[in-house]
Amino acid sequence: MGWGEFIVAFGVFFLSHSVPVRPSVRAHLVDRLGQRGFTLAYSVLSLAVLGWVIAAAGRAPFVPVWGWATWQPHVTLTLMLAVCLILGLAIGRPNPFSFGGARNHLFDPERPGLVRITRHPMLLALALWAFGHMIPNGDLAHVILFGSFAGFAVLGRVLIDRRKRREMGAEWLRLDKAVRAQGPSPARPLVAVLRLTLGVALFMLLLGAHPYVFGVAPLG
């Protein structure tokens, strides 16, 4: 099919991640769908377009950039375990500094959890996922795909910080200072252990589902 599908899918991906979150568009959609409805619709759209652009990269012409080596899958597996642990610790937790936080009004800067290490754990997970998958996929389409995701995650940190500081004003500075004053201990140790366990379970689930969903067995 040439490069046409990949280019179109790539363009749709970035439009779907930039247009709906513009303040005016987001406010209109939230009014129509409600906050939960918007979050659900945006999540479904994001996953569907992500699946399409990954599949389109696999169907694009194969242009090698670097070769495959036996050590590469081990790096990917290690980084993916880190990604799953980050997701286990971050999903569903209050985080007023970034996007996607749940019940942000309940955020306690004295118990920041993973936010003590990074204000944007979801973007960190995205960057690690992209970098980990780019290493063993050294053809041009996948390098463009995963390299762009990694760049999107890095740039997103700057853009979200800028937007949140503008929206929250002095409250952003107060919370950031309070979070930085805390030690690196988890917010609630038992909850952290449970979330890490769920992260490991997610990792095992992805290992098992990967051959059926993406046609590639991570363990060979």
N, C-alpha and C. Protein backbone atom coordinates (compact mmCIF):
# COMPACT_ATOMS: atom_id res chain seq x y z
N MET A 1 0.82 -1.21 0.00
CA MET A 1 0.00 0.00 0.00
C MET A 1 0.86 1.27 0.00
N GLY A 2 2.20 1.12 0.03
CA GLY A 2 3.06 2.30 0.07
C GLY A 2 2.97 3.02 1.41
N TRP A 3 3.32 4.31 1.37
CA TRP A 3 3.37 5.10 2.59
C TRP A 3 2.08 5.85 2.86
N GLY A 4 1.12 5.79 1.96
CA GLY A 4 -0.08 6.60 2.09
C GLY A 4 -0.86 6.33 3.37
N GLU A 5 -1.14 5.07 3.67
CA GLU A 5 -1.93 4.76 4.88
C GLU A 5 -1.19 5.21 6.13
N PHE A 6 0.12 4.98 6.18
CA PHE A 6 0.89 5.36 7.36
C PHE A 6 0.83 6.87 7.59
N ILE A 7 0.97 7.65 6.50
CA ILE A 7 0.93 9.11 6.62
C ILE A 7 -0.44 9.58 7.10
N VAL A 8 -1.50 9.00 6.52
CA VAL A 8 -2.85 9.40 6.93
C VAL A 8 -3.11 9.02 8.39
N ALA A 9 -2.76 7.78 8.77
CA ALA A 9 -2.97 7.32 10.14
C ALA A 9 -2.19 8.18 11.13
N PHE A 10 -0.97 8.54 10.74
CA PHE A 10 -0.13 9.37 11.61
C PHE A 10 -0.76 10.75 11.80
N GLY A 11 -1.27 11.32 10.70
CA GLY A 11 -1.92 12.62 10.81
C GLY A 11 -3.17 12.57 11.67
N VAL A 12 -3.99 11.52 11.51
CA VAL A 12 -5.20 11.36 12.31
C VAL A 12 -4.85 11.20 13.78
N PHE A 13 -3.77 10.46 14.05
CA PHE A 13 -3.36 10.26 15.44
C PHE A 13 -3.08 11.59 16.13
N PHE A 14 -2.30 12.44 15.49
CA PHE A 14 -1.94 13.70 16.14
C PHE A 14 -3.11 14.67 16.18
N LEU A 15 -3.98 14.64 15.18
CA LEU A 15 -5.18 15.47 15.25
C LEU A 15 -6.09 15.03 16.38
N SER A 16 -6.22 13.70 16.56
CA SER A 16 -7.10 13.18 17.60
C SER A 16 -6.56 13.44 19.00
N HIS A 17 -5.26 13.73 19.10
CA HIS A 17 -4.66 14.02 20.40
C HIS A 17 -4.42 15.51 20.62
N SER A 18 -4.78 16.33 19.66
CA SER A 18 -4.58 17.77 19.83
C SER A 18 -5.89 18.54 19.78
N VAL A 19 -6.79 18.19 18.86
CA VAL A 19 -8.04 18.93 18.71
C VAL A 19 -8.98 18.74 19.91
N PRO A 20 -9.28 17.50 20.34
CA PRO A 20 -10.26 17.33 21.43
C PRO A 20 -9.84 17.95 22.76
N VAL A 21 -8.53 18.14 22.97
CA VAL A 21 -8.08 18.67 24.26
C VAL A 21 -7.88 20.18 24.24
N ARG A 22 -8.13 20.82 23.10
CA ARG A 22 -8.11 22.28 23.09
C ARG A 22 -9.19 22.80 24.03
N PRO A 23 -8.91 23.82 24.82
CA PRO A 23 -9.86 24.26 25.86
C PRO A 23 -11.28 24.46 25.36
N SER A 24 -11.45 25.13 24.22
CA SER A 24 -12.80 25.40 23.73
C SER A 24 -13.50 24.12 23.27
N VAL A 25 -12.76 23.26 22.57
CA VAL A 25 -13.34 22.00 22.09
C VAL A 25 -13.65 21.08 23.26
N ARG A 26 -12.70 20.96 24.18
CA ARG A 26 -12.91 20.09 25.35
C ARG A 26 -14.12 20.54 26.16
N ALA A 27 -14.25 21.86 26.39
CA ALA A 27 -15.38 22.37 27.17
C ALA A 27 -16.70 22.02 26.49
N HIS A 28 -16.74 22.16 25.17
CA HIS A 28 -17.97 21.83 24.43
C HIS A 28 -18.28 20.35 24.55
N LEU A 29 -17.27 19.49 24.40
CA LEU A 29 -17.51 18.05 24.47
C LEU A 29 -17.91 17.61 25.88
N VAL A 30 -17.29 18.22 26.89
CA VAL A 30 -17.65 17.87 28.27
C VAL A 30 -19.09 18.27 28.56
N ASP A 31 -19.51 19.43 28.03
CA ASP A 31 -20.90 19.85 28.21
C ASP A 31 -21.88 18.86 27.58
N ARG A 32 -21.48 18.29 26.44
CA ARG A 32 -22.36 17.37 25.73
C ARG A 32 -22.30 15.95 26.30
N LEU A 33 -21.12 15.52 26.70
CA LEU A 33 -20.92 14.12 27.10
C LEU A 33 -20.78 13.93 28.60
N GLY A 34 -20.48 15.01 29.33
CA GLY A 34 -20.13 14.87 30.74
C GLY A 34 -18.65 14.52 30.85
N GLN A 35 -18.06 14.73 32.03
CA GLN A 35 -16.63 14.49 32.20
C GLN A 35 -16.30 13.01 31.98
N ARG A 36 -17.09 12.11 32.57
CA ARG A 36 -16.81 10.68 32.40
C ARG A 36 -17.02 10.24 30.95
N GLY A 37 -18.06 10.76 30.34
CA GLY A 37 -18.32 10.42 28.95
C GLY A 37 -17.21 10.89 28.03
N PHE A 38 -16.71 12.10 28.28
CA PHE A 38 -15.61 12.62 27.49
C PHE A 38 -14.36 11.76 27.68
N THR A 39 -14.05 11.43 28.93
CA THR A 39 -12.86 10.61 29.21
C THR A 39 -12.96 9.26 28.53
N LEU A 40 -14.15 8.63 28.61
CA LEU A 40 -14.32 7.32 27.99
C LEU A 40 -14.21 7.42 26.47
N ALA A 41 -14.89 8.40 25.88
CA ALA A 41 -14.85 8.54 24.42
C ALA A 41 -13.44 8.86 23.94
N TYR A 42 -12.75 9.72 24.65
CA TYR A 42 -11.39 10.09 24.26
C TYR A 42 -10.45 8.90 24.38
N SER A 43 -10.64 8.09 25.43
CA SER A 43 -9.79 6.91 25.62
C SER A 43 -10.02 5.89 24.51
N VAL A 44 -11.29 5.63 24.17
CA VAL A 44 -11.60 4.68 23.10
C VAL A 44 -11.03 5.17 21.77
N LEU A 45 -11.23 6.46 21.48
CA LEU A 45 -10.69 7.03 20.24
C LEU A 45 -9.18 6.91 20.20
N SER A 46 -8.51 7.22 21.29
CA SER A 46 -7.05 7.17 21.34
C SER A 46 -6.54 5.77 21.09
N LEU A 47 -7.17 4.78 21.74
CA LEU A 47 -6.73 3.39 21.56
C LEU A 47 -6.97 2.90 20.14
N ALA A 48 -8.11 3.28 19.57
CA ALA A 48 -8.43 2.85 18.21
C ALA A 48 -7.45 3.44 17.20
N VAL A 49 -7.16 4.73 17.32
CA VAL A 49 -6.24 5.37 16.39
C VAL A 49 -4.82 4.86 16.61
N LEU A 50 -4.45 4.61 17.87
CA LEU A 50 -3.13 4.05 18.16
C LEU A 50 -2.97 2.69 17.49
N GLY A 51 -3.99 1.84 17.62
CA GLY A 51 -3.94 0.53 16.97
C GLY A 51 -3.80 0.65 15.45
N TRP A 52 -4.50 1.62 14.88
CA TRP A 52 -4.44 1.82 13.43
C TRP A 52 -3.04 2.27 12.99
N VAL A 53 -2.46 3.25 13.69
CA VAL A 53 -1.18 3.78 13.25
C VAL A 53 -0.07 2.73 13.43
N ILE A 54 -0.17 1.89 14.46
CA ILE A 54 0.82 0.82 14.64
C ILE A 54 0.68 -0.21 13.52
N ALA A 55 -0.56 -0.58 13.20
CA ALA A 55 -0.79 -1.53 12.11
C ALA A 55 -0.32 -0.94 10.77
N ALA A 56 -0.57 0.35 10.56
CA ALA A 56 -0.15 0.99 9.32
C ALA A 56 1.37 1.02 9.20
N ALA A 57 2.07 1.19 10.32
CA ALA A 57 3.53 1.15 10.29
C ALA A 57 4.03 -0.23 9.87
N GLY A 58 3.33 -1.27 10.32
CA GLY A 58 3.71 -2.62 9.93
C GLY A 58 3.47 -2.91 8.46
N ARG A 59 2.53 -2.19 7.84
CA ARG A 59 2.23 -2.40 6.42
C ARG A 59 3.00 -1.45 5.51
N ALA A 60 3.72 -0.50 6.09
CA ALA A 60 4.51 0.45 5.29
C ALA A 60 5.71 -0.26 4.68
N PRO A 61 6.28 0.28 3.61
CA PRO A 61 7.48 -0.33 3.00
C PRO A 61 8.60 -0.48 4.02
N PHE A 62 9.31 -1.61 3.95
CA PHE A 62 10.39 -1.88 4.90
C PHE A 62 11.67 -1.22 4.42
N VAL A 63 12.12 -0.23 5.19
CA VAL A 63 13.37 0.47 4.90
C VAL A 63 14.25 0.36 6.14
N PRO A 64 15.28 -0.50 6.14
CA PRO A 64 16.08 -0.70 7.35
C PRO A 64 16.89 0.53 7.72
N VAL A 65 16.93 0.82 9.03
CA VAL A 65 17.76 1.89 9.57
C VAL A 65 18.90 1.31 10.38
N TRP A 66 18.59 0.32 11.22
CA TRP A 66 19.62 -0.46 11.91
C TRP A 66 19.15 -1.91 12.00
N GLY A 67 20.08 -2.80 12.27
CA GLY A 67 19.80 -4.22 12.29
C GLY A 67 19.26 -4.69 13.63
N TRP A 68 18.80 -5.94 13.62
CA TRP A 68 18.25 -6.55 14.84
C TRP A 68 19.35 -7.31 15.55
N ALA A 69 19.34 -7.29 16.89
CA ALA A 69 20.32 -8.03 17.69
C ALA A 69 19.61 -8.75 18.83
N THR A 70 20.21 -9.81 19.33
CA THR A 70 19.56 -10.66 20.34
C THR A 70 19.33 -9.93 21.66
N TRP A 71 20.12 -8.88 21.94
CA TRP A 71 19.97 -8.17 23.22
C TRP A 71 18.79 -7.21 23.22
N GLN A 72 18.32 -6.84 22.06
CA GLN A 72 17.30 -5.80 21.98
C GLN A 72 15.98 -6.17 22.68
N PRO A 73 15.44 -7.39 22.48
CA PRO A 73 14.18 -7.72 23.17
C PRO A 73 14.29 -7.66 24.70
N HIS A 74 15.48 -7.93 25.25
CA HIS A 74 15.65 -7.89 26.70
C HIS A 74 15.50 -6.45 27.21
N VAL A 75 16.02 -5.48 26.45
CA VAL A 75 15.84 -4.08 26.82
C VAL A 75 14.36 -3.71 26.79
N THR A 76 13.68 -4.17 25.73
CA THR A 76 12.25 -3.88 25.59
C THR A 76 11.47 -4.45 26.76
N LEU A 77 11.72 -5.70 27.13
CA LEU A 77 11.00 -6.32 28.24
C LEU A 77 11.27 -5.60 29.55
N THR A 78 12.51 -5.20 29.78
CA THR A 78 12.84 -4.49 31.02
C THR A 78 12.11 -3.15 31.09
N LEU A 79 12.13 -2.41 30.00
CA LEU A 79 11.45 -1.12 29.98
C LEU A 79 9.94 -1.28 30.09
N MET A 80 9.39 -2.34 29.48
CA MET A 80 7.95 -2.55 29.56
C MET A 80 7.51 -2.94 30.97
N LEU A 81 8.35 -3.65 31.69
CA LEU A 81 8.03 -3.92 33.09
C LEU A 81 7.97 -2.60 33.87
N ALA A 82 8.94 -1.71 33.61
CA ALA A 82 8.91 -0.40 34.26
C ALA A 82 7.66 0.38 33.88
N VAL A 83 7.27 0.31 32.60
CA VAL A 83 6.06 1.00 32.14
C VAL A 83 4.84 0.50 32.90
N CYS A 84 4.70 -0.81 33.02
CA CYS A 84 3.53 -1.39 33.70
C CYS A 84 3.51 -1.02 35.19
N LEU A 85 4.68 -0.99 35.83
CA LEU A 85 4.73 -0.60 37.23
C LEU A 85 4.34 0.88 37.40
N ILE A 86 4.80 1.72 36.48
CA ILE A 86 4.43 3.13 36.53
C ILE A 86 2.92 3.29 36.36
N LEU A 87 2.35 2.56 35.39
CA LEU A 87 0.91 2.63 35.17
C LEU A 87 0.15 2.14 36.40
N GLY A 88 0.65 1.08 37.01
CA GLY A 88 -0.01 0.56 38.21
C GLY A 88 -0.03 1.57 39.34
N LEU A 89 1.05 2.35 39.45
CA LEU A 89 1.13 3.35 40.51
C LEU A 89 0.38 4.64 40.18
N ALA A 90 0.19 4.92 38.89
CA ALA A 90 -0.32 6.23 38.49
C ALA A 90 -1.80 6.26 38.12
N ILE A 91 -2.30 5.20 37.51
CA ILE A 91 -3.67 5.24 36.99
C ILE A 91 -4.68 5.37 38.13
N GLY A 92 -5.60 6.29 37.96
CA GLY A 92 -6.67 6.47 38.93
C GLY A 92 -6.30 7.26 40.16
N ARG A 93 -5.07 7.80 40.20
CA ARG A 93 -4.65 8.59 41.35
C ARG A 93 -4.80 10.08 41.06
N PRO A 94 -5.08 10.89 42.07
CA PRO A 94 -5.13 12.33 41.86
C PRO A 94 -3.78 12.88 41.42
N ASN A 95 -3.80 13.76 40.43
CA ASN A 95 -2.57 14.40 39.97
C ASN A 95 -2.94 15.71 39.28
N PRO A 96 -3.00 16.80 40.01
CA PRO A 96 -3.41 18.07 39.41
C PRO A 96 -2.37 18.66 38.46
N PHE A 97 -1.16 18.10 38.44
CA PHE A 97 -0.10 18.65 37.60
C PHE A 97 -0.19 18.19 36.15
N SER A 98 -0.85 17.07 35.90
CA SER A 98 -0.81 16.49 34.57
C SER A 98 -2.22 16.22 34.08
N PHE A 99 -2.33 15.56 32.91
CA PHE A 99 -3.63 15.22 32.37
C PHE A 99 -4.07 13.86 32.92
N GLY A 100 -5.36 13.64 32.97
CA GLY A 100 -5.87 12.32 33.31
C GLY A 100 -5.93 12.00 34.78
N GLY A 101 -5.61 12.94 35.65
CA GLY A 101 -5.70 12.66 37.07
C GLY A 101 -7.14 12.45 37.51
N ALA A 102 -7.34 11.58 38.49
CA ALA A 102 -8.69 11.27 38.98
C ALA A 102 -8.88 11.92 40.35
N ARG A 103 -10.02 12.60 40.52
CA ARG A 103 -10.37 13.22 41.81
C ARG A 103 -9.23 14.14 42.28
N ASN A 104 -8.83 15.06 41.41
CA ASN A 104 -7.67 15.91 41.71
C ASN A 104 -7.85 16.76 42.96
N HIS A 105 -9.10 17.01 43.32
CA HIS A 105 -9.33 17.82 44.53
C HIS A 105 -8.91 17.07 45.79
N LEU A 106 -8.70 15.76 45.69
CA LEU A 106 -8.27 14.96 46.83
C LEU A 106 -6.75 14.82 46.91
N PHE A 107 -6.03 15.46 45.99
CA PHE A 107 -4.57 15.32 45.98
C PHE A 107 -3.97 15.87 47.26
N ASP A 108 -3.12 15.07 47.90
CA ASP A 108 -2.47 15.45 49.15
C ASP A 108 -0.98 15.64 48.87
N PRO A 109 -0.47 16.86 48.85
CA PRO A 109 0.95 17.07 48.54
C PRO A 109 1.89 16.46 49.57
N GLU A 110 1.38 16.11 50.74
CA GLU A 110 2.22 15.44 51.73
C GLU A 110 2.29 13.94 51.49
N ARG A 111 1.43 13.42 50.61
CA ARG A 111 1.46 12.01 50.21
C ARG A 111 1.40 11.95 48.67
N PRO A 112 2.43 12.45 47.99
CA PRO A 112 2.33 12.59 46.54
C PRO A 112 2.55 11.31 45.77
N GLY A 113 3.13 10.28 46.42
CA GLY A 113 3.39 9.04 45.70
C GLY A 113 4.36 9.25 44.56
N LEU A 114 4.05 8.71 43.40
CA LEU A 114 4.93 8.80 42.24
C LEU A 114 5.10 10.23 41.73
N VAL A 115 4.16 11.10 42.05
CA VAL A 115 4.26 12.50 41.62
C VAL A 115 5.47 13.17 42.26
N ARG A 116 5.96 12.64 43.36
CA ARG A 116 7.19 13.16 43.98
C ARG A 116 8.38 12.99 43.04
N ILE A 117 8.36 11.96 42.20
CA ILE A 117 9.47 11.68 41.29
C ILE A 117 9.27 12.35 39.94
N THR A 118 8.04 12.33 39.44
CA THR A 118 7.74 12.96 38.17
C THR A 118 6.31 13.50 38.18
N ARG A 119 6.13 14.72 37.71
CA ARG A 119 4.79 15.29 37.66
C ARG A 119 3.94 14.62 36.58
N HIS A 120 4.58 13.92 35.65
CA HIS A 120 3.87 13.37 34.51
C HIS A 120 4.20 11.88 34.33
N PRO A 121 3.74 11.04 35.24
CA PRO A 121 4.07 9.60 35.14
C PRO A 121 3.54 8.95 33.88
N MET A 122 2.37 9.36 33.38
CA MET A 122 1.82 8.76 32.17
C MET A 122 2.69 9.08 30.96
N LEU A 123 3.21 10.29 30.90
CA LEU A 123 4.09 10.66 29.79
C LEU A 123 5.43 9.94 29.92
N LEU A 124 5.91 9.73 31.13
CA LEU A 124 7.13 8.95 31.33
C LEU A 124 6.92 7.52 30.84
N ALA A 125 5.77 6.95 31.16
CA ALA A 125 5.46 5.60 30.69
C ALA A 125 5.41 5.55 29.17
N LEU A 126 4.82 6.57 28.55
CA LEU A 126 4.75 6.63 27.09
C LEU A 126 6.14 6.70 26.48
N ALA A 127 7.02 7.52 27.05
CA ALA A 127 8.37 7.66 26.52
C ALA A 127 9.14 6.34 26.63
N LEU A 128 9.02 5.66 27.77
CA LEU A 128 9.72 4.38 27.94
C LEU A 128 9.16 3.33 27.00
N TRP A 129 7.83 3.30 26.85
CA TRP A 129 7.20 2.36 25.91
C TRP A 129 7.71 2.60 24.49
N ALA A 130 7.75 3.87 24.07
CA ALA A 130 8.18 4.20 22.71
C ALA A 130 9.64 3.83 22.50
N PHE A 131 10.50 4.21 23.43
CA PHE A 131 11.92 3.92 23.29
C PHE A 131 12.17 2.41 23.30
N GLY A 132 11.47 1.71 24.20
CA GLY A 132 11.65 0.26 24.28
C GLY A 132 11.23 -0.46 23.02
N HIS A 133 10.20 0.03 22.35
CA HIS A 133 9.74 -0.62 21.12
C HIS A 133 10.51 -0.16 19.89
N MET A 134 11.14 1.00 19.96
CA MET A 134 11.93 1.46 18.82
C MET A 134 13.22 0.66 18.67
N ILE A 135 13.79 0.23 19.78
CA ILE A 135 15.09 -0.46 19.74
C ILE A 135 15.05 -1.71 18.85
N PRO A 136 14.08 -2.64 19.02
CA PRO A 136 14.10 -3.84 18.18
C PRO A 136 13.39 -3.67 16.83
N ASN A 137 12.82 -2.50 16.59
CA ASN A 137 12.11 -2.24 15.33
C ASN A 137 12.86 -1.15 14.57
N GLY A 138 13.94 -1.54 13.92
CA GLY A 138 14.84 -0.57 13.32
C GLY A 138 14.53 -0.20 11.88
N ASP A 139 13.29 -0.43 11.41
CA ASP A 139 12.93 0.03 10.08
C ASP A 139 12.39 1.45 10.16
N LEU A 140 12.41 2.14 9.02
CA LEU A 140 12.12 3.57 8.99
C LEU A 140 10.74 3.91 9.54
N ALA A 141 9.72 3.15 9.15
CA ALA A 141 8.36 3.47 9.59
C ALA A 141 8.24 3.39 11.11
N HIS A 142 8.82 2.35 11.71
CA HIS A 142 8.71 2.19 13.16
C HIS A 142 9.61 3.18 13.91
N VAL A 143 10.75 3.52 13.32
CA VAL A 143 11.60 4.54 13.95
C VAL A 143 10.86 5.88 13.98
N ILE A 144 10.21 6.23 12.86
CA ILE A 144 9.42 7.46 12.83
C ILE A 144 8.29 7.39 13.85
N LEU A 145 7.59 6.25 13.87
CA LEU A 145 6.44 6.08 14.76
C LEU A 145 6.84 6.21 16.23
N PHE A 146 7.73 5.34 16.68
CA PHE A 146 8.07 5.31 18.10
C PHE A 146 8.93 6.52 18.50
N GLY A 147 9.77 7.00 17.57
CA GLY A 147 10.54 8.20 17.87
C GLY A 147 9.64 9.41 18.07
N SER A 148 8.58 9.49 17.27
CA SER A 148 7.62 10.60 17.42
C SER A 148 6.87 10.51 18.73
N PHE A 149 6.50 9.29 19.13
CA PHE A 149 5.82 9.11 20.41
C PHE A 149 6.71 9.56 21.56
N ALA A 150 8.00 9.19 21.50
CA ALA A 150 8.93 9.59 22.55
C ALA A 150 9.07 11.11 22.58
N GLY A 151 9.20 11.73 21.40
CA GLY A 151 9.29 13.17 21.33
C GLY A 151 8.01 13.85 21.82
N PHE A 152 6.86 13.25 21.47
CA PHE A 152 5.57 13.76 21.92
C PHE A 152 5.49 13.75 23.44
N ALA A 153 6.02 12.69 24.07
CA ALA A 153 5.98 12.59 25.53
C ALA A 153 6.87 13.64 26.18
N VAL A 154 8.06 13.86 25.61
CA VAL A 154 8.98 14.85 26.16
C VAL A 154 8.42 16.26 25.98
N LEU A 155 7.94 16.57 24.78
CA LEU A 155 7.37 17.89 24.53
C LEU A 155 6.10 18.12 25.35
N GLY A 156 5.33 17.04 25.53
CA GLY A 156 4.09 17.15 26.29
C GLY A 156 4.32 17.62 27.72
N ARG A 157 5.43 17.20 28.33
CA ARG A 157 5.74 17.65 29.69
C ARG A 157 5.82 19.17 29.74
N VAL A 158 6.52 19.75 28.77
CA VAL A 158 6.72 21.20 28.75
C VAL A 158 5.39 21.92 28.52
N LEU A 159 4.62 21.42 27.55
CA LEU A 159 3.36 22.08 27.21
C LEU A 159 2.35 21.98 28.35
N ILE A 160 2.26 20.82 28.99
CA ILE A 160 1.30 20.66 30.08
C ILE A 160 1.71 21.49 31.28
N ASP A 161 3.01 21.51 31.60
CA ASP A 161 3.47 22.37 32.70
C ASP A 161 3.10 23.82 32.44
N ARG A 162 3.32 24.26 31.21
CA ARG A 162 3.02 25.65 30.87
C ARG A 162 1.53 25.94 31.01
N ARG A 163 0.69 25.01 30.52
CA ARG A 163 -0.75 25.23 30.59
C ARG A 163 -1.26 25.17 32.03
N LYS A 164 -0.79 24.18 32.78
CA LYS A 164 -1.25 24.03 34.16
C LYS A 164 -0.82 25.21 35.04
N ARG A 165 0.39 25.71 34.83
CA ARG A 165 0.84 26.86 35.61
C ARG A 165 0.00 28.09 35.30
N ARG A 166 -0.39 28.21 34.04
CA ARG A 166 -1.24 29.34 33.66
C ARG A 166 -2.64 29.20 34.27
N GLU A 167 -3.18 27.97 34.26
CA GLU A 167 -4.53 27.74 34.77
C GLU A 167 -4.60 27.81 36.29
N MET A 168 -3.58 27.26 36.97
CA MET A 168 -3.63 27.13 38.42
C MET A 168 -2.99 28.31 39.14
N GLY A 169 -2.12 29.05 38.46
CA GLY A 169 -1.50 30.21 39.05
C GLY A 169 -0.65 29.86 40.27
N ALA A 170 -0.85 30.60 41.36
CA ALA A 170 -0.06 30.42 42.57
C ALA A 170 -0.26 29.05 43.19
N GLU A 171 -1.42 28.42 42.95
CA GLU A 171 -1.68 27.10 43.51
C GLU A 171 -0.71 26.07 42.96
N TRP A 172 -0.36 26.19 41.67
CA TRP A 172 0.61 25.27 41.07
C TRP A 172 1.96 25.38 41.80
N LEU A 173 2.41 26.58 42.04
CA LEU A 173 3.69 26.78 42.72
C LEU A 173 3.64 26.26 44.15
N ARG A 174 2.51 26.49 44.83
CA ARG A 174 2.38 26.02 46.21
C ARG A 174 2.44 24.50 46.28
N LEU A 175 1.68 23.82 45.40
CA LEU A 175 1.67 22.37 45.40
C LEU A 175 3.02 21.79 45.00
N ASP A 176 3.64 22.40 44.01
CA ASP A 176 4.93 21.90 43.55
C ASP A 176 5.97 22.00 44.67
N LYS A 177 5.99 23.11 45.37
CA LYS A 177 6.93 23.28 46.47
C LYS A 177 6.65 22.29 47.59
N ALA A 178 5.37 22.05 47.89
CA ALA A 178 5.00 21.11 48.96
C ALA A 178 5.39 19.69 48.58
N VAL A 179 5.22 19.32 47.32
CA VAL A 179 5.57 17.97 46.87
C VAL A 179 7.07 17.76 46.94
N ARG A 180 7.84 18.74 46.49
CA ARG A 180 9.30 18.62 46.49
C ARG A 180 9.86 18.53 47.91
N ALA A 181 9.12 19.00 48.88
CA ALA A 181 9.59 18.96 50.26
C ALA A 181 9.44 17.58 50.88
N GLN A 182 8.70 16.68 50.22
CA GLN A 182 8.45 15.36 50.77
C GLN A 182 9.56 14.39 50.40
N GLY A 183 9.69 13.34 51.21
CA GLY A 183 10.64 12.28 50.89
C GLY A 183 10.09 11.37 49.81
N PRO A 184 10.90 10.44 49.29
CA PRO A 184 10.48 9.57 48.19
C PRO A 184 9.64 8.37 48.61
N SER A 185 9.16 8.35 49.86
CA SER A 185 8.38 7.22 50.32
C SER A 185 7.01 7.21 49.65
N PRO A 186 6.38 6.00 49.48
CA PRO A 186 5.07 5.93 48.85
C PRO A 186 3.99 6.57 49.69
N ALA A 187 2.91 6.98 49.04
CA ALA A 187 1.82 7.64 49.75
C ALA A 187 1.25 6.74 50.83
N ARG A 188 0.93 5.50 50.48
CA ARG A 188 0.44 4.50 51.43
C ARG A 188 1.10 3.18 51.06
N PRO A 189 2.00 2.66 51.89
CA PRO A 189 2.79 1.48 51.51
C PRO A 189 1.96 0.29 51.06
N LEU A 190 0.87 -0.04 51.76
CA LEU A 190 0.07 -1.20 51.39
C LEU A 190 -0.61 -0.99 50.04
N VAL A 191 -1.10 0.22 49.81
CA VAL A 191 -1.71 0.53 48.52
C VAL A 191 -0.67 0.48 47.42
N ALA A 192 0.54 0.96 47.71
CA ALA A 192 1.61 0.92 46.71
C ALA A 192 1.95 -0.51 46.33
N VAL A 193 2.02 -1.40 47.32
CA VAL A 193 2.30 -2.81 47.04
C VAL A 193 1.20 -3.41 46.17
N LEU A 194 -0.05 -3.11 46.48
CA LEU A 194 -1.16 -3.62 45.69
C LEU A 194 -1.08 -3.10 44.26
N ARG A 195 -0.79 -1.82 44.10
CA ARG A 195 -0.70 -1.24 42.76
C ARG A 195 0.48 -1.82 41.99
N LEU A 196 1.61 -2.05 42.65
CA LEU A 196 2.74 -2.68 41.98
C LEU A 196 2.41 -4.10 41.54
N THR A 197 1.64 -4.81 42.38
CA THR A 197 1.20 -6.16 42.02
C THR A 197 0.32 -6.12 40.77
N LEU A 198 -0.57 -5.14 40.72
CA LEU A 198 -1.41 -4.99 39.53
C LEU A 198 -0.57 -4.64 38.31
N GLY A 199 0.50 -3.87 38.51
CA GLY A 199 1.40 -3.55 37.42
C GLY A 199 2.08 -4.79 36.87
N VAL A 200 2.52 -5.68 37.76
CA VAL A 200 3.13 -6.93 37.33
C VAL A 200 2.10 -7.79 36.59
N ALA A 201 0.87 -7.82 37.09
CA ALA A 201 -0.19 -8.58 36.43
C ALA A 201 -0.45 -8.04 35.03
N LEU A 202 -0.43 -6.71 34.88
CA LEU A 202 -0.60 -6.10 33.56
C LEU A 202 0.54 -6.50 32.63
N PHE A 203 1.75 -6.54 33.15
CA PHE A 203 2.91 -6.96 32.36
C PHE A 203 2.73 -8.39 31.86
N MET A 204 2.30 -9.28 32.74
CA MET A 204 2.09 -10.68 32.35
C MET A 204 0.96 -10.80 31.33
N LEU A 205 -0.09 -9.99 31.52
CA LEU A 205 -1.20 -10.01 30.57
C LEU A 205 -0.74 -9.56 29.18
N LEU A 206 0.07 -8.51 29.13
CA LEU A 206 0.57 -8.03 27.84
C LEU A 206 1.47 -9.06 27.18
N LEU A 207 2.29 -9.74 27.98
CA LEU A 207 3.14 -10.80 27.42
C LEU A 207 2.29 -11.88 26.77
N GLY A 208 1.22 -12.28 27.44
CA GLY A 208 0.37 -13.34 26.91
C GLY A 208 -0.45 -12.91 25.71
N ALA A 209 -0.91 -11.65 25.72
CA ALA A 209 -1.80 -11.19 24.65
C ALA A 209 -1.05 -10.69 23.42
N HIS A 210 0.21 -10.32 23.59
CA HIS A 210 0.96 -9.69 22.51
C HIS A 210 0.98 -10.51 21.22
N PRO A 211 1.23 -11.83 21.27
CA PRO A 211 1.26 -12.60 20.01
C PRO A 211 -0.07 -12.59 19.27
N TYR A 212 -1.18 -12.53 20.01
CA TYR A 212 -2.50 -12.58 19.39
C TYR A 212 -2.95 -11.21 18.90
N VAL A 213 -2.56 -10.17 19.60
CA VAL A 213 -3.00 -8.83 19.23
C VAL A 213 -2.07 -8.21 18.18
N PHE A 214 -0.76 -8.40 18.34
CA PHE A 214 0.20 -7.74 17.45
C PHE A 214 0.98 -8.73 16.57
N GLY A 215 0.78 -10.02 16.77
CA GLY A 215 1.44 -11.00 15.93
C GLY A 215 2.91 -11.21 16.21
N VAL A 216 3.38 -10.73 17.37
CA VAL A 216 4.79 -10.88 17.74
C VAL A 216 4.87 -11.42 19.15
N ALA A 217 5.66 -12.48 19.35
CA ALA A 217 5.83 -13.07 20.67
C ALA A 217 7.02 -12.41 21.36
N PRO A 218 6.82 -11.66 22.44
CA PRO A 218 7.95 -10.96 23.09
C PRO A 218 9.02 -11.89 23.62
N LEU A 219 8.62 -13.11 24.00
CA LEU A 219 9.59 -14.06 24.55
C LEU A 219 10.15 -14.99 23.48
N GLY A 220 9.84 -14.70 22.24
CA GLY A 220 10.34 -15.53 21.14
C GLY A 220 9.50 -16.76 20.97
